[in-house]
Amino acid sequence: MPANLTPQYLAAEQRFKEAVTTQEKIDALEEMLAVMPKHKGTDKLHADLRRRLAKLRNEAGKKHGVSRASALHTVQREGAGQIVLVGAPNVGKSSLLARLTHAVPEIADYPFTTRLPQPGMMPFENVLIQLIDMPPIDEQFYEPWMGGIVRQADFALLVVDLSSDELLEEVEGVLQVLEQSKIVLAGKATPEARSELPGEPPHRALIVGNKLDAASARLNLPILQEFYEGRFEILPLSAATGEGLDVLGPVLFRRLEIIRIYTKVPGKKADLTSAPFVLKQGSTVLDAARAVHRDFVHSLKFARAWSSENSRRSVRFDGQMVERTHQLEDGDILELHV
């Protein structure tokens, strides 16, 4: 008997497939069960989803009893996106984290000062982006859990020391160690990146050329660009002086491929000073309703939309009623009627 699954179910199923954390998978499964049609054609599927949900809940419960050492090797996702800083020893990752966030990592001139992942929150306009400083990626000291953190992040910053005479060897060393864990860093999904590890999609990244204030940096930057500019976007900057840091925030926001959505109460003006809801690019009114409250997915009657001042649409919205499938842009305002 056909299951006749609804678009709402299929959307929840897609979120389950894209989920990274156990809790995200649990949330998606719960919604799949909630919106699934109830008839004989879905009995087997219903039982299978219940088994999956029970297994995930059991795993989540066990995680509360993990050792302190294991817990230190995981980073809870926060903010509008999670970006991991990777690089060879002494490239200035910790200095960059300290400059961009309120985190206070240990910083020293000797290598391997950072032993554990160190998170910090970087403000960009009205959202926070999570940065994670990692121990140096080095073949002799690399541990499997480090690859797990790189995989779970939305994006990677490959930090390079522009003052180093061995910067090309250092970049290749980091890339090779990660590739041994089946992690291919690439700014674009180029044929070259795909061919290195068939079946493994490239992990999005860009290169940050740090220590631009050093005397030799201006000479080494063109060399770095010659070898890697086709594969990565390269941002030269200095964590010490702050030069180039103003470009980083907008680039990271763009690379995260997210949008900010505001909501308003009927009859009142939107409060644009409040924290927006952060969604993926391509999200719809229904996705926004789900972000506001899970029950709104089922109770939403209609919505009105206002385009942002920076809208790229040929036709701007100024309070018109919109469909649930209406695609949103960064800065849009929604009035949800439930």
Protein backbone atom coordinates (compact mmCIF):
# COMPACT_ATOMS: atom_id res chain seq x y z
CA MET A 1 0.00 0.00 0.00
CA PRO A 2 1.48 3.44 -0.94
CA ALA A 3 2.45 5.70 1.95
CA ASN A 4 1.41 8.98 0.24
CA LEU A 5 3.87 11.00 2.27
CA THR A 6 3.22 14.74 2.56
CA PRO A 7 5.62 17.55 1.55
CA GLN A 8 5.96 18.39 5.26
CA TYR A 9 7.15 14.83 5.95
CA LEU A 10 9.59 14.88 3.04
CA ALA A 11 11.01 18.23 4.23
CA ALA A 12 11.53 16.80 7.74
CA GLU A 13 13.13 13.71 6.22
CA GLN A 14 15.57 15.91 4.31
CA ARG A 15 16.50 17.72 7.54
CA PHE A 16 17.13 14.34 9.15
CA LYS A 17 19.51 13.42 6.33
CA GLU A 18 21.35 16.74 6.68
CA ALA A 19 21.44 16.66 10.52
CA VAL A 20 24.86 16.72 12.14
CA THR A 21 24.17 16.38 15.85
CA THR A 22 22.15 13.69 17.61
CA GLN A 23 19.66 16.27 18.88
CA GLU A 24 19.05 17.59 15.36
CA LYS A 25 18.32 14.03 14.21
CA ILE A 26 15.95 13.48 17.13
CA ASP A 27 14.07 16.71 16.36
CA ALA A 28 13.70 15.75 12.70
CA LEU A 29 12.47 12.24 13.53
CA GLU A 30 9.93 13.59 16.01
CA GLU A 31 8.54 15.92 13.34
CA MET A 32 8.46 13.10 10.77
CA LEU A 33 6.36 11.04 13.17
CA ALA A 34 4.11 14.02 13.94
CA VAL A 35 3.26 14.84 10.31
CA MET A 36 3.18 11.29 8.92
CA PRO A 37 -0.25 10.18 7.59
CA LYS A 38 -1.75 7.46 9.79
CA HIS A 39 -2.91 4.45 7.75
CA LYS A 40 -1.86 0.88 7.01
CA GLY A 41 0.55 2.00 4.32
CA THR A 42 2.71 3.81 6.90
CA ASP A 43 2.60 1.22 9.70
CA LYS A 44 5.98 -0.31 8.83
CA LEU A 45 7.60 3.09 8.33
CA HIS A 46 6.12 4.33 11.60
CA ALA A 47 7.61 1.38 13.50
CA ASP A 48 11.00 1.89 11.84
CA LEU A 49 11.07 5.58 12.78
CA ARG A 50 10.12 4.76 16.36
CA ARG A 51 13.05 2.32 16.56
CA ARG A 52 15.45 4.92 15.17
CA LEU A 53 14.17 7.53 17.60
CA ALA A 54 14.55 5.20 20.58
CA LYS A 55 18.11 4.37 19.54
CA LEU A 56 19.08 8.03 19.18
CA ARG A 57 17.50 8.96 22.51
CA ASN A 58 19.44 6.14 24.13
CA GLU A 59 22.68 7.41 22.58
CA ALA A 60 21.90 10.95 23.73
CA GLY A 61 21.33 9.66 27.26
CA LYS A 62 24.64 7.83 27.29
CA LYS A 63 26.49 10.98 26.22
CA HIS A 64 25.63 12.58 29.56
CA GLY A 65 27.84 9.97 31.23
CA VAL A 66 30.91 10.35 29.02
CA SER A 67 34.27 11.05 30.62
CA ARG A 68 35.48 14.59 31.09
CA ALA A 69 38.33 13.96 28.66
CA SER A 70 35.93 12.91 25.91
CA ALA A 71 33.68 15.89 26.55
CA LEU A 72 36.62 18.24 26.08
CA HIS A 73 37.00 16.93 22.53
CA THR A 74 33.55 18.04 21.45
CA VAL A 75 32.22 21.55 20.90
CA GLN A 76 28.52 22.36 21.24
CA ARG A 77 27.29 24.26 18.20
CA GLU A 78 26.25 27.86 18.94
CA GLY A 79 25.46 31.01 17.00
CA ALA A 80 24.69 31.54 13.33
CA GLY A 81 27.39 29.13 12.15
CA GLN A 82 30.39 27.12 13.27
CA ILE A 83 33.80 27.76 11.71
CA VAL A 84 36.95 25.82 12.61
CA LEU A 85 40.48 27.28 12.48
CA VAL A 86 43.09 24.79 11.23
CA GLY A 87 46.75 25.21 10.44
CA ALA A 88 50.33 24.23 11.13
CA PRO A 89 52.05 25.07 14.45
CA ASN A 90 52.62 28.75 15.29
CA VAL A 91 50.60 30.26 12.43
CA GLY A 92 48.67 32.51 14.85
CA LYS A 93 45.30 30.75 15.12
CA SER A 94 44.97 31.49 18.84
CA SER A 95 45.91 35.13 18.31
CA LEU A 96 43.25 35.38 15.61
CA LEU A 97 40.64 33.83 17.92
CA ALA A 98 41.55 36.23 20.72
CA ARG A 99 41.37 39.23 18.38
CA LEU A 100 37.96 38.30 16.91
CA THR A 101 36.18 36.97 20.01
CA HIS A 102 36.11 37.32 23.80
CA ALA A 103 37.86 33.97 24.21
CA VAL A 104 41.15 33.93 26.10
CA PRO A 105 43.25 31.13 24.59
CA GLU A 106 46.78 30.42 25.74
CA ILE A 107 49.16 32.18 23.33
CA ALA A 108 52.91 31.54 23.17
CA ASP A 109 55.80 31.64 20.68
CA TYR A 110 56.43 27.89 20.95
CA PRO A 111 54.44 25.29 18.97
CA PHE A 112 51.55 23.13 20.24
CA THR A 113 50.40 25.63 22.87
CA THR A 114 46.79 24.75 21.99
CA ARG A 115 46.00 21.20 23.10
CA LEU A 116 42.21 21.19 23.05
CA PRO A 117 39.53 22.87 20.91
CA GLN A 118 38.88 26.43 22.10
CA PRO A 119 35.58 28.05 21.01
CA GLY A 120 34.79 31.75 20.89
CA MET A 121 31.91 33.86 19.53
CA MET A 122 32.69 36.44 16.84
CA PRO A 123 30.13 39.26 16.49
CA PHE A 124 29.12 40.24 12.97
CA GLU A 125 26.47 42.96 12.71
CA ASN A 126 23.56 41.47 14.71
CA VAL A 127 24.57 37.79 14.83
CA LEU A 128 27.32 35.74 16.47
CA ILE A 129 29.49 33.26 14.57
CA GLN A 130 31.26 30.50 16.48
CA LEU A 131 34.99 30.12 15.84
CA ILE A 132 36.91 27.07 17.09
CA ASP A 133 40.67 27.21 17.54
CA MET A 134 42.14 23.75 17.01
CA PRO A 135 45.47 22.19 18.02
CA PRO A 136 47.99 22.36 15.17
CA ILE A 137 47.42 19.90 12.35
CA ASP A 138 50.66 17.93 12.35
CA GLU A 139 51.26 14.32 11.32
CA GLN A 140 53.06 13.41 14.54
CA PHE A 141 50.41 14.84 16.86
CA TYR A 142 47.17 14.42 14.89
CA GLU A 143 44.33 12.58 16.70
CA PRO A 144 41.10 11.20 15.12
CA TRP A 145 38.80 13.45 17.18
CA MET A 146 40.33 16.49 15.47
CA GLY A 147 38.95 15.37 12.12
CA GLY A 148 35.53 14.95 13.69
CA ILE A 149 35.43 18.59 14.74
CA VAL A 150 36.52 19.74 11.27
CA ARG A 151 33.76 17.63 9.68
CA GLN A 152 31.00 18.94 11.90
CA ALA A 153 31.89 22.59 11.26
CA ASP A 154 30.11 24.55 8.55
CA PHE A 155 33.33 25.97 7.22
CA ALA A 156 37.11 25.90 7.77
CA LEU A 157 39.70 28.66 7.90
CA LEU A 158 43.11 27.35 6.88
CA VAL A 159 45.41 29.79 8.70
CA VAL A 160 48.86 30.33 7.17
CA ASP A 161 51.90 32.19 8.49
CA LEU A 162 52.85 34.65 5.73
CA SER A 163 56.20 35.32 7.43
CA SER A 164 57.30 31.69 7.15
CA ASP A 165 59.79 30.71 4.44
CA GLU A 166 58.20 27.24 4.51
CA LEU A 167 54.58 28.35 4.15
CA LEU A 168 53.91 26.19 1.05
CA GLU A 169 55.25 23.08 2.80
CA GLU A 170 53.14 23.91 5.86
CA VAL A 171 49.95 24.29 3.80
CA GLU A 172 50.57 21.01 1.99
CA GLY A 173 51.35 19.27 5.27
CA VAL A 174 48.00 20.32 6.76
CA LEU A 175 46.08 19.35 3.62
CA GLN A 176 47.74 15.94 3.45
CA VAL A 177 47.13 15.10 7.12
CA LEU A 178 43.44 15.99 6.75
CA GLU A 179 43.18 13.99 3.54
CA GLN A 180 44.41 10.94 5.44
CA SER A 181 41.19 11.38 7.47
CA LYS A 182 39.24 11.71 4.19
CA ILE A 183 38.79 15.47 4.61
CA VAL A 184 39.47 17.50 1.47
CA LEU A 185 39.59 21.25 2.01
CA ALA A 186 38.60 23.30 -1.01
CA GLY A 187 37.19 26.74 -1.64
CA LYS A 188 35.36 25.35 -4.64
CA ALA A 189 34.32 21.85 -5.66
CA THR A 190 36.96 21.78 -8.40
CA PRO A 191 37.65 18.64 -10.47
CA GLU A 192 41.11 18.53 -8.89
CA ALA A 193 39.65 18.44 -5.37
CA ARG A 194 37.10 15.79 -6.28
CA SER A 195 39.66 13.54 -7.93
CA GLU A 196 41.89 13.35 -4.86
CA LEU A 197 39.36 11.38 -2.83
CA PRO A 198 36.61 9.93 -5.02
CA GLY A 199 33.26 9.94 -3.28
CA GLU A 200 34.35 12.43 -0.61
CA PRO A 201 32.88 15.93 -1.17
CA PRO A 202 35.30 18.81 -0.48
CA HIS A 203 34.90 20.56 2.86
CA ARG A 204 34.41 24.30 2.25
CA ALA A 205 37.35 26.43 3.30
CA LEU A 206 39.35 29.56 2.59
CA ILE A 207 42.93 30.49 3.37
CA VAL A 208 43.71 33.22 5.91
CA GLY A 209 47.22 34.58 5.40
CA ASN A 210 48.13 35.76 8.90
CA LYS A 211 51.05 37.94 10.09
CA LEU A 212 50.71 40.38 7.19
CA ASP A 213 52.59 42.88 9.36
CA ALA A 214 55.80 40.83 9.13
CA ALA A 215 58.58 42.12 6.86
CA SER A 216 58.65 39.04 4.61
CA ALA A 217 54.85 38.70 4.35
CA ARG A 218 54.49 40.97 1.31
CA LEU A 219 57.04 38.86 -0.54
CA ASN A 220 55.49 35.53 0.42
CA LEU A 221 51.86 36.50 -0.30
CA PRO A 222 52.25 36.42 -4.12
CA ILE A 223 53.85 32.97 -3.83
CA LEU A 224 50.89 31.70 -1.81
CA GLN A 225 48.47 33.21 -4.32
CA GLU A 226 50.31 31.68 -7.28
CA PHE A 227 49.96 28.16 -5.88
CA TYR A 228 46.52 28.25 -4.21
CA GLU A 229 44.38 31.11 -5.52
CA GLY A 230 42.65 28.85 -8.04
CA ARG A 231 41.56 26.47 -5.30
CA PHE A 232 40.96 28.83 -2.38
CA GLU A 233 39.93 32.38 -1.71
CA ILE A 234 42.88 33.97 0.13
CA LEU A 235 42.45 36.71 2.73
CA PRO A 236 45.67 38.40 3.93
CA LEU A 237 45.44 39.96 7.40
CA SER A 238 47.23 40.54 10.67
CA ALA A 239 45.86 39.39 14.01
CA ALA A 240 48.50 41.58 15.68
CA THR A 241 47.65 44.91 14.03
CA GLY A 242 44.07 44.23 12.88
CA GLU A 243 44.86 44.94 9.22
CA GLY A 244 42.40 43.13 6.95
CA LEU A 245 40.15 41.92 9.76
CA ASP A 246 37.26 44.14 8.64
CA VAL A 247 36.91 42.04 5.48
CA LEU A 248 36.70 38.72 7.32
CA GLY A 249 33.24 39.12 8.89
CA PRO A 250 31.34 39.84 5.65
CA VAL A 251 33.19 37.05 3.82
CA LEU A 252 32.41 34.47 6.51
CA PHE A 253 28.75 35.50 6.63
CA ARG A 254 28.51 35.11 2.86
CA ARG A 255 30.31 31.77 2.90
CA LEU A 256 27.99 30.38 5.59
CA GLU A 257 25.12 30.84 3.11
CA ILE A 258 22.63 32.00 5.74
CA ILE A 259 19.93 34.67 5.97
CA ARG A 260 18.45 36.68 8.85
CA ILE A 261 14.67 36.87 9.20
CA TYR A 262 12.71 39.18 11.52
CA THR A 263 9.16 38.70 12.75
CA LYS A 264 6.54 41.23 13.77
CA VAL A 265 3.28 41.19 15.70
CA PRO A 266 0.21 42.18 13.60
CA GLY A 267 -0.48 45.90 13.95
CA LYS A 268 2.98 46.70 15.34
CA LYS A 269 6.30 47.67 13.81
CA ALA A 270 9.05 45.11 13.50
CA ASP A 271 11.76 45.30 16.15
CA LEU A 272 14.91 45.19 14.05
CA THR A 273 17.07 45.56 17.15
CA SER A 274 16.07 42.11 18.42
CA ALA A 275 18.00 38.99 17.46
CA PRO A 276 16.88 37.67 14.07
CA PHE A 277 16.10 34.07 13.21
CA VAL A 278 19.01 32.61 11.23
CA LEU A 279 18.10 30.25 8.40
CA LYS A 280 19.83 28.69 5.42
CA GLN A 281 19.70 30.45 2.08
CA GLY A 282 16.71 29.22 0.10
CA SER A 283 14.53 28.87 3.22
CA THR A 284 10.80 29.45 2.88
CA VAL A 285 8.03 30.97 4.99
CA LEU A 286 7.31 27.49 6.35
CA ASP A 287 10.95 27.07 7.41
CA ALA A 288 10.77 30.41 9.23
CA ALA A 289 7.53 29.42 10.95
CA ARG A 290 9.18 26.20 12.12
CA ALA A 291 12.12 28.17 13.52
CA VAL A 292 9.78 30.43 15.51
CA HIS A 293 7.82 27.50 16.95
CA ARG A 294 7.56 23.88 15.87
CA ASP A 295 3.77 23.89 16.15
CA PHE A 296 3.49 26.80 13.70
CA VAL A 297 4.25 24.35 10.88
CA HIS A 298 0.75 22.93 11.32
CA SER A 299 -1.13 25.95 12.66
CA LEU A 300 0.08 28.61 10.22
CA LYS A 301 -2.91 30.13 8.41
CA PHE A 302 -1.10 32.73 6.30
CA ALA A 303 1.82 35.14 6.37
CA ARG A 304 2.65 38.66 5.23
CA ALA A 305 6.12 39.71 4.11
CA TRP A 306 8.13 42.92 3.92
CA SER A 307 11.30 43.02 1.84
CA SER A 308 14.51 44.31 3.35
CA GLU A 309 15.96 47.63 2.21
CA ASN A 310 18.75 45.72 0.47
CA SER A 311 16.41 43.38 -1.37
CA ARG A 312 17.56 42.17 -4.79
CA ARG A 313 14.04 41.28 -5.90
CA SER A 314 12.62 43.03 -8.93
CA VAL A 315 9.32 43.31 -7.03
CA ARG A 316 9.51 44.38 -3.39
CA PHE A 317 7.06 43.12 -0.78
CA ASP A 318 5.36 45.62 1.49
CA GLY A 319 2.98 43.56 3.63
CA GLN A 320 1.52 41.33 0.89
CA MET A 321 0.26 37.86 1.73
CA VAL A 322 2.76 35.20 0.63
CA GLU A 323 2.61 31.45 0.14
CA ARG A 324 4.18 29.00 2.57
CA THR A 325 6.67 28.12 -0.16
CA HIS A 326 7.68 31.78 -0.66
CA GLN A 327 11.49 31.95 -0.62
CA LEU A 328 12.97 34.44 1.81
CA GLU A 329 15.89 36.86 1.51
CA ASP A 330 18.30 38.20 4.11
CA GLY A 331 16.59 40.91 6.17
CA ASP A 332 12.99 40.02 5.26
CA ILE A 333 10.26 40.68 7.84
CA LEU A 334 7.47 38.17 8.40
CA GLU A 335 4.11 38.53 10.09
CA LEU A 336 2.86 35.02 10.92
CA HIS A 337 -0.84 34.39 11.47
CA VAL A 338 -1.68 31.15 13.29
